[in-house]
C-alpha atoms as a PDB file:
ATOM      1  CA  UNK A   1      15.068  50.692   1.239  1.00  0.00           C
ATOM      2  CA  UNK A   2      15.622  53.128   3.935  1.00  0.00           C
ATOM      3  CA  UNK A   3      12.347  54.421   5.746  1.00  0.00           C
ATOM      4  CA  UNK A   4      12.196  57.566   7.672  1.00  0.00           C
ATOM      5  CA  UNK A   5       9.580  58.578  10.027  1.00  0.00           C
ATOM      6  CA  UNK A   6       8.609  61.827  11.365  1.00  0.00           C
ATOM      7  CA  UNK A   7       6.297  63.276  14.183  1.00  0.00           C
ATOM      8  CA  UNK A   8       4.856  65.493  11.555  1.00  0.00           C
ATOM      9  CA  UNK A   9       2.476  63.890   8.965  1.00  0.00           C
ATOM     10  CA  UNK A  10       3.610  66.125   6.170  1.00  0.00           C
ATOM     11  CA  UNK A  11       6.973  67.047   6.747  1.00  0.00           C
ATOM     12  CA  UNK A  12       8.416  68.678   3.540  1.00  0.00           C
ATOM     13  CA  UNK A  13      12.124  69.169   2.356  1.00  0.00           C
ATOM     14  CA  UNK A  14      13.884  70.060  -0.886  1.00  0.00           C
ATOM     15  CA  UNK A  15      16.658  67.839  -2.624  1.00  0.00           C
ATOM     16  CA  UNK A  16      18.555  69.520  -5.323  1.00  0.00           C
ATOM     17  CA  UNK A  17      15.661  71.922  -5.859  1.00  0.00           C
ATOM     18  CA  UNK A  18      12.876  69.428  -5.836  1.00  0.00           C
ATOM     19  CA  UNK A  19      10.226  69.434  -3.510  1.00  0.00           C
ATOM     20  CA  UNK A  20       9.622  66.030  -1.509  1.00  0.00           C
ATOM     21  CA  UNK A  21       7.344  65.469   1.466  1.00  0.00           C
ATOM     22  CA  UNK A  22       6.489  62.773   3.993  1.00  0.00           C
ATOM     23  CA  UNK A  23       2.966  61.179   3.652  1.00  0.00           C
ATOM     24  CA  UNK A  24       1.439  60.222   7.025  1.00  0.00           C
ATOM     25  CA  UNK A  25       4.661  60.745   8.730  1.00  0.00           C
ATOM     26  CA  UNK A  26       6.797  58.305   6.555  1.00  0.00           C
ATOM     27  CA  UNK A  27       8.948  58.617   3.741  1.00  0.00           C
ATOM     28  CA  UNK A  28      11.014  55.839   1.973  1.00  0.00           C
ATOM     29  CA  UNK A  29      13.760  56.162  -0.331  1.00  0.00           C
ATOM     30  CA  UNK A  30      16.925  54.520  -2.053  1.00  0.00           C
ATOM     31  CA  UNK A  31      18.253  57.709  -3.458  1.00  0.00           C
ATOM     32  CA  UNK A  32      21.735  58.564  -1.883  1.00  0.00           C
ATOM     33  CA  UNK A  33      21.140  62.423  -2.274  1.00  0.00           C
ATOM     34  CA  UNK A  34      17.769  62.166  -0.509  1.00  0.00           C
ATOM     35  CA  UNK A  35      19.267  59.958   2.280  1.00  0.00           C
ATOM     36  CA  UNK A  36      21.829  62.828   2.964  1.00  0.00           C
ATOM     37  CA  UNK A  37      19.094  65.319   3.317  1.00  0.00           C
ATOM     38  CA  UNK A  38      17.006  62.953   5.414  1.00  0.00           C
ATOM     39  CA  UNK A  39      19.720  62.163   7.789  1.00  0.00           C
ATOM     40  CA  UNK A  40      20.135  65.812   8.443  1.00  0.00           C
ATOM     41  CA  UNK A  41      16.691  66.676   9.210  1.00  0.00           C
ATOM     42  CA  UNK A  42      16.131  66.838  13.370  1.00  0.00           C
ATOM     43  CA  UNK A  43      12.626  65.794  12.661  1.00  0.00           C
ATOM     44  CA  UNK A  44      13.090  62.881  10.860  1.00  0.00           C
ATOM     45  CA  UNK A  45      14.527  59.515  12.240  1.00  0.00           C
ATOM     46  CA  UNK A  46      15.185  56.443  10.284  1.00  0.00           C
ATOM     47  CA  UNK A  47      13.429  53.341  11.348  1.00  0.00           C
ATOM     48  CA  UNK A  48      14.070  49.833  10.398  1.00  0.00           C
ATOM     49  CA  UNK A  49      11.241  47.930   8.412  1.00  0.00           C
ATOM     50  CA  UNK A  50      10.671  44.509   9.494  1.00  0.00           C
ATOM     51  CA  UNK A  51      12.267  42.086   6.878  1.00  0.00           C
ATOM     52  CA  UNK A  52       9.901  39.798   5.165  1.00  0.00           C
ATOM     53  CA  UNK A  53      10.919  36.352   6.180  1.00  0.00           C
ATOM     54  CA  UNK A  54      11.802  34.041   3.535  1.00  0.00           C
ATOM     55  CA  UNK A  55       9.253  31.510   2.560  1.00  0.00           C
ATOM     56  CA  UNK A  56      10.062  28.475   4.378  1.00  0.00           C
ATOM     57  CA  UNK A  57       8.798  25.166   3.154  1.00  0.00           C
ATOM     58  CA  UNK A  58       6.240  24.137   5.860  1.00  0.00           C
ATOM     59  CA  UNK A  59       5.209  20.492   5.997  1.00  0.00           C
ATOM     60  CA  UNK A  60       1.752  20.246   4.218  1.00  0.00           C
ATOM     61  CA  UNK A  61      -1.055  19.831   6.562  1.00  0.00           C
ATOM     62  CA  UNK A  62      -2.971  16.384   6.644  1.00  0.00           C
ATOM     63  CA  UNK A  63      -6.368  16.951   5.246  1.00  0.00           C
ATOM     64  CA  UNK A  64      -8.964  16.161   7.993  1.00  0.00           C
ATOM     65  CA  UNK A  65     -11.179  13.244   7.660  1.00  0.00           C
ATOM     66  CA  UNK A  66     -14.930  14.045   7.498  1.00  0.00           C
ATOM     67  CA  UNK A  67     -16.662  13.169  10.626  1.00  0.00           C
ATOM     68  CA  UNK A  68     -18.910  10.174  10.347  1.00  0.00           C
ATOM     69  CA  UNK A  69     -22.267  10.179  11.706  1.00  0.00           C
ATOM     70  CA  UNK A  70     -23.320   7.595  14.412  1.00  0.00           C
ATOM     71  CA  UNK A  71     -25.292   4.540  12.840  1.00  0.00           C
ATOM     72  CA  UNK A  72     -28.190   4.401  15.500  1.00  0.00           C
END
C-alpha cells in the first residue's frame, strides 16, 4: 500500500474523471492509475509506512509468586 502525505489537509485531484481527496493530509492507495497521478502532484510526497513487525514468539513470562506476609 502506498501512502502519500501533503502539507494541505484537504488536497483534491481527479483520476479518470473521479474526484479524490486527501483526508487530514494523508492518502493511501494501491490503484496504479491513482499512483501515477499522485506521483505527478508537486504537493504530495510518498511516505513509507512503518511495517508491522511479525509476531515473534516471546518466552512466556513467569507468573510472580504472591508475597507472603510476615508471621510475627
